[in-house]
Structures are given as C-alpha cells and as structure tokens.
Amino acid sequence: MFVGNAVAGPSTEPRHVGDIALFRAFSRALTAVEAKALFASATLSDSTKPACMVEYRFDDGFGRTATDTSGADMHGSLMVRD
C-alpha cells in the first residue's frame, strides 16, 4: 500500500505535504455515526474494533517500521520516494 502519491510513473496528483499521525484500514465501510465517533475520540468502539485490519499510530519514534497497534501484527516498512 502506498500513501501520498502515485506508485509509478509521472503523476499530476498533488503530494501530501505534512504529517500523518494515524492511519487505519477497515474491512468494511464505516457508518457515518462510527466515523464521527472516531474523529471525536480517536478510540475504536466495540463495533469498529473487529473491522480494523491495521492501525499505524506513527508515534513510536524514528525508524523504518510502522508498528501495527490493531493486534493483527501487520507491521509495515516505511520508505520515502522522490
């Protein structure tokens, strides 16, 4: 999975400029109520926790590994592309 820009070749898509503090991927679409609750508290509820496939908080310091805090152990490798 790539976040921030096209995978290969020239792109007219704008790059993300800034920090990413939290990334989650879910196995299903969240309801509007669930999405609003996540923005309000940033904590997974009983209904969203089983659907969370991966969660990267990007708060464990420096390095090239994104630690999955969802419990699925889907740790990721970080790389910077020019």
N, C-alpha and C. Protein backbone atom coordinates (compact mmCIF):
# COMPACT_ATOMS: atom_id res chain seq x y z
N MET A 1 0.85 -1.16 0.00
CA MET A 1 0.00 0.00 0.00
C MET A 1 0.90 1.23 0.00
N PHE A 2 0.55 2.18 -0.79
CA PHE A 2 1.27 3.44 -0.84
C PHE A 2 0.33 4.56 -0.41
N VAL A 3 0.82 5.47 0.40
CA VAL A 3 0.03 6.60 0.86
C VAL A 3 0.76 7.86 0.44
N GLY A 4 0.10 8.73 -0.27
CA GLY A 4 0.67 10.03 -0.54
C GLY A 4 0.92 10.38 -1.98
N ASN A 5 1.11 9.41 -2.88
CA ASN A 5 1.37 9.75 -4.27
C ASN A 5 1.24 8.50 -5.13
N ALA A 6 1.34 8.68 -6.43
CA ALA A 6 1.23 7.57 -7.37
C ALA A 6 2.35 6.57 -7.15
N VAL A 7 2.09 5.32 -7.46
CA VAL A 7 3.06 4.25 -7.25
C VAL A 7 4.19 4.33 -8.27
N ALA A 8 3.91 4.55 -9.52
CA ALA A 8 4.95 4.56 -10.54
C ALA A 8 4.62 5.57 -11.63
N GLY A 9 5.66 6.09 -12.26
CA GLY A 9 5.47 6.99 -13.38
C GLY A 9 5.16 8.40 -12.96
N PRO A 10 5.13 9.29 -13.93
CA PRO A 10 4.82 10.69 -13.63
C PRO A 10 3.38 10.83 -13.14
N SER A 11 3.19 11.79 -12.29
CA SER A 11 1.86 11.98 -11.72
C SER A 11 1.52 13.46 -11.67
N THR A 12 0.28 13.76 -11.93
CA THR A 12 -0.20 15.13 -11.76
C THR A 12 -0.92 15.26 -10.41
N GLU A 13 -0.99 14.16 -9.68
CA GLU A 13 -1.63 14.18 -8.36
C GLU A 13 -0.77 14.96 -7.38
N PRO A 14 -1.37 15.81 -6.56
CA PRO A 14 -0.57 16.54 -5.57
C PRO A 14 -0.07 15.59 -4.49
N ARG A 15 1.13 15.84 -4.03
CA ARG A 15 1.70 15.04 -2.93
C ARG A 15 1.17 15.57 -1.60
N HIS A 16 1.10 14.68 -0.64
CA HIS A 16 0.72 15.08 0.71
C HIS A 16 1.87 15.87 1.32
N VAL A 17 1.59 17.03 1.81
CA VAL A 17 2.60 17.84 2.48
C VAL A 17 2.15 17.98 3.92
N GLY A 18 2.90 17.39 4.83
CA GLY A 18 2.54 17.46 6.23
C GLY A 18 2.82 16.14 6.91
N ASP A 19 2.27 15.97 8.08
CA ASP A 19 2.48 14.77 8.88
C ASP A 19 1.24 13.88 8.85
N ILE A 20 1.47 12.60 8.94
CA ILE A 20 0.38 11.65 9.12
C ILE A 20 0.54 11.08 10.52
N ALA A 21 -0.41 11.33 11.40
CA ALA A 21 -0.30 10.91 12.79
C ALA A 21 -0.95 9.55 13.03
N LEU A 22 -1.93 9.19 12.21
CA LEU A 22 -2.68 7.95 12.45
C LEU A 22 -3.23 7.45 11.12
N PHE A 23 -3.09 6.16 10.88
CA PHE A 23 -3.64 5.54 9.67
C PHE A 23 -4.33 4.26 10.07
N ARG A 24 -5.57 4.08 9.62
CA ARG A 24 -6.31 2.84 9.86
C ARG A 24 -6.94 2.37 8.56
N ALA A 25 -7.03 1.04 8.39
CA ALA A 25 -7.75 0.46 7.27
C ALA A 25 -8.78 -0.51 7.84
N PHE A 26 -9.99 -0.45 7.32
CA PHE A 26 -11.09 -1.26 7.82
C PHE A 26 -11.54 -2.25 6.77
N SER A 27 -12.10 -3.35 7.22
CA SER A 27 -12.57 -4.41 6.32
C SER A 27 -13.95 -4.11 5.74
N ARG A 28 -14.55 -3.04 6.18
CA ARG A 28 -15.86 -2.63 5.69
C ARG A 28 -15.98 -1.12 5.80
N ALA A 29 -16.95 -0.58 5.11
CA ALA A 29 -17.21 0.86 5.21
C ALA A 29 -17.81 1.15 6.58
N LEU A 30 -17.34 2.20 7.20
CA LEU A 30 -17.91 2.60 8.49
C LEU A 30 -19.17 3.41 8.26
N THR A 31 -20.09 3.33 9.20
CA THR A 31 -21.28 4.16 9.12
C THR A 31 -20.89 5.59 9.46
N ALA A 32 -21.76 6.52 9.14
CA ALA A 32 -21.50 7.93 9.46
C ALA A 32 -21.34 8.12 10.97
N VAL A 33 -22.13 7.42 11.74
CA VAL A 33 -22.06 7.52 13.20
C VAL A 33 -20.70 7.00 13.70
N GLU A 34 -20.24 5.87 13.14
CA GLU A 34 -18.94 5.31 13.54
C GLU A 34 -17.80 6.24 13.17
N ALA A 35 -17.85 6.81 11.97
CA ALA A 35 -16.79 7.74 11.53
C ALA A 35 -16.75 8.98 12.41
N LYS A 36 -17.90 9.54 12.73
CA LYS A 36 -17.94 10.71 13.61
C LYS A 36 -17.40 10.38 14.99
N ALA A 37 -17.71 9.21 15.50
CA ALA A 37 -17.23 8.80 16.83
C ALA A 37 -15.70 8.66 16.83
N LEU A 38 -15.13 8.15 15.73
CA LEU A 38 -13.67 8.03 15.65
C LEU A 38 -13.00 9.40 15.67
N PHE A 39 -13.56 10.37 14.97
CA PHE A 39 -12.99 11.71 14.96
C PHE A 39 -13.14 12.38 16.32
N ALA A 40 -14.19 12.07 17.03
CA ALA A 40 -14.43 12.70 18.33
C ALA A 40 -13.51 12.15 19.41
N SER A 41 -13.20 10.85 19.38
CA SER A 41 -12.42 10.27 20.48
C SER A 41 -11.13 9.60 20.04
N ALA A 42 -10.98 9.27 18.76
CA ALA A 42 -9.82 8.56 18.21
C ALA A 42 -9.64 7.17 18.81
N THR A 43 -10.67 6.67 19.49
CA THR A 43 -10.63 5.33 20.08
C THR A 43 -11.62 4.44 19.35
N LEU A 44 -11.21 3.23 19.04
CA LEU A 44 -12.10 2.29 18.37
C LEU A 44 -13.22 1.86 19.31
N SER A 45 -14.43 1.83 18.79
CA SER A 45 -15.57 1.38 19.58
C SER A 45 -15.74 -0.13 19.43
N ASP A 46 -16.68 -0.69 20.17
CA ASP A 46 -16.94 -2.13 20.08
C ASP A 46 -17.37 -2.55 18.68
N SER A 47 -18.01 -1.65 17.93
CA SER A 47 -18.46 -2.01 16.58
C SER A 47 -17.35 -1.84 15.54
N THR A 48 -16.43 -0.91 15.75
CA THR A 48 -15.38 -0.69 14.76
C THR A 48 -14.13 -1.51 15.01
N LYS A 49 -13.89 -1.93 16.25
CA LYS A 49 -12.66 -2.67 16.57
C LYS A 49 -12.52 -3.96 15.76
N PRO A 50 -13.55 -4.81 15.62
CA PRO A 50 -13.39 -6.03 14.82
C PRO A 50 -13.13 -5.75 13.34
N ALA A 51 -13.55 -4.60 12.84
CA ALA A 51 -13.39 -4.29 11.42
C ALA A 51 -12.03 -3.65 11.11
N CYS A 52 -11.29 -3.26 12.14
CA CYS A 52 -9.99 -2.61 11.93
C CYS A 52 -8.95 -3.65 11.57
N MET A 53 -8.44 -3.58 10.33
CA MET A 53 -7.46 -4.56 9.86
C MET A 53 -6.03 -4.14 10.20
N VAL A 54 -5.78 -2.84 10.26
CA VAL A 54 -4.45 -2.33 10.55
C VAL A 54 -4.56 -0.93 11.14
N GLU A 55 -3.66 -0.62 12.07
CA GLU A 55 -3.64 0.71 12.68
C GLU A 55 -2.18 1.09 12.91
N TYR A 56 -1.77 2.19 12.27
CA TYR A 56 -0.42 2.72 12.47
C TYR A 56 -0.55 4.08 13.13
N ARG A 57 0.03 4.23 14.31
CA ARG A 57 -0.06 5.49 15.05
C ARG A 57 1.11 6.44 14.79
N PHE A 58 2.21 5.96 14.25
CA PHE A 58 3.37 6.79 13.93
C PHE A 58 3.85 7.62 15.11
N ASP A 59 3.78 7.04 16.30
CA ASP A 59 4.23 7.77 17.49
C ASP A 59 5.31 7.00 18.26
N ASP A 60 5.92 6.01 17.62
CA ASP A 60 6.91 5.20 18.34
C ASP A 60 8.35 5.59 18.01
N GLY A 61 8.56 6.85 17.67
CA GLY A 61 9.90 7.34 17.43
C GLY A 61 10.29 7.31 15.98
N PHE A 62 11.56 7.13 15.74
CA PHE A 62 12.10 7.16 14.38
C PHE A 62 12.39 5.74 13.91
N GLY A 63 12.52 5.58 12.64
CA GLY A 63 12.86 4.29 12.07
C GLY A 63 12.06 4.02 10.81
N ARG A 64 12.22 2.83 10.29
CA ARG A 64 11.58 2.47 9.03
C ARG A 64 10.49 1.43 9.21
N THR A 65 10.04 1.20 10.43
CA THR A 65 8.97 0.24 10.68
C THR A 65 7.76 0.95 11.26
N ALA A 66 6.60 0.69 10.68
CA ALA A 66 5.33 1.18 11.22
C ALA A 66 4.73 0.03 12.02
N THR A 67 4.59 0.22 13.31
CA THR A 67 4.07 -0.82 14.18
C THR A 67 2.55 -0.84 14.14
N ASP A 68 2.00 -2.01 13.85
CA ASP A 68 0.54 -2.19 13.80
C ASP A 68 0.03 -2.36 15.22
N THR A 69 -0.80 -1.43 15.68
CA THR A 69 -1.34 -1.49 17.03
C THR A 69 -2.77 -2.04 17.06
N SER A 70 -3.23 -2.60 15.94
CA SER A 70 -4.58 -3.16 15.89
C SER A 70 -4.65 -4.55 16.54
N GLY A 71 -3.50 -5.18 16.70
CA GLY A 71 -3.47 -6.54 17.21
C GLY A 71 -3.29 -7.58 16.12
N ALA A 72 -3.32 -7.15 14.86
CA ALA A 72 -3.18 -8.08 13.73
C ALA A 72 -1.72 -8.33 13.35
N ASP A 73 -0.79 -7.58 13.96
CA ASP A 73 0.64 -7.73 13.68
C ASP A 73 0.99 -7.55 12.21
N MET A 74 0.34 -6.61 11.55
CA MET A 74 0.62 -6.31 10.14
C MET A 74 1.57 -5.11 10.08
N HIS A 75 2.76 -5.29 10.63
CA HIS A 75 3.74 -4.19 10.68
C HIS A 75 4.17 -3.83 9.27
N GLY A 76 4.49 -2.58 9.05
CA GLY A 76 4.83 -2.12 7.72
C GLY A 76 6.22 -1.54 7.64
N SER A 77 6.74 -1.48 6.43
CA SER A 77 8.03 -0.85 6.15
C SER A 77 7.79 0.52 5.55
N LEU A 78 8.49 1.50 6.07
CA LEU A 78 8.34 2.87 5.60
C LEU A 78 9.45 3.19 4.62
N MET A 79 9.09 3.91 3.57
CA MET A 79 10.08 4.35 2.60
C MET A 79 9.69 5.71 2.06
N VAL A 80 10.67 6.46 1.64
CA VAL A 80 10.44 7.77 1.05
C VAL A 80 10.75 7.66 -0.43
N ARG A 81 9.82 8.12 -1.24
CA ARG A 81 10.02 8.11 -2.69
C ARG A 81 10.22 9.53 -3.17
N ASP A 82 11.11 9.70 -4.09
CA ASP A 82 11.34 11.02 -4.69
C ASP A 82 10.28 11.33 -5.71
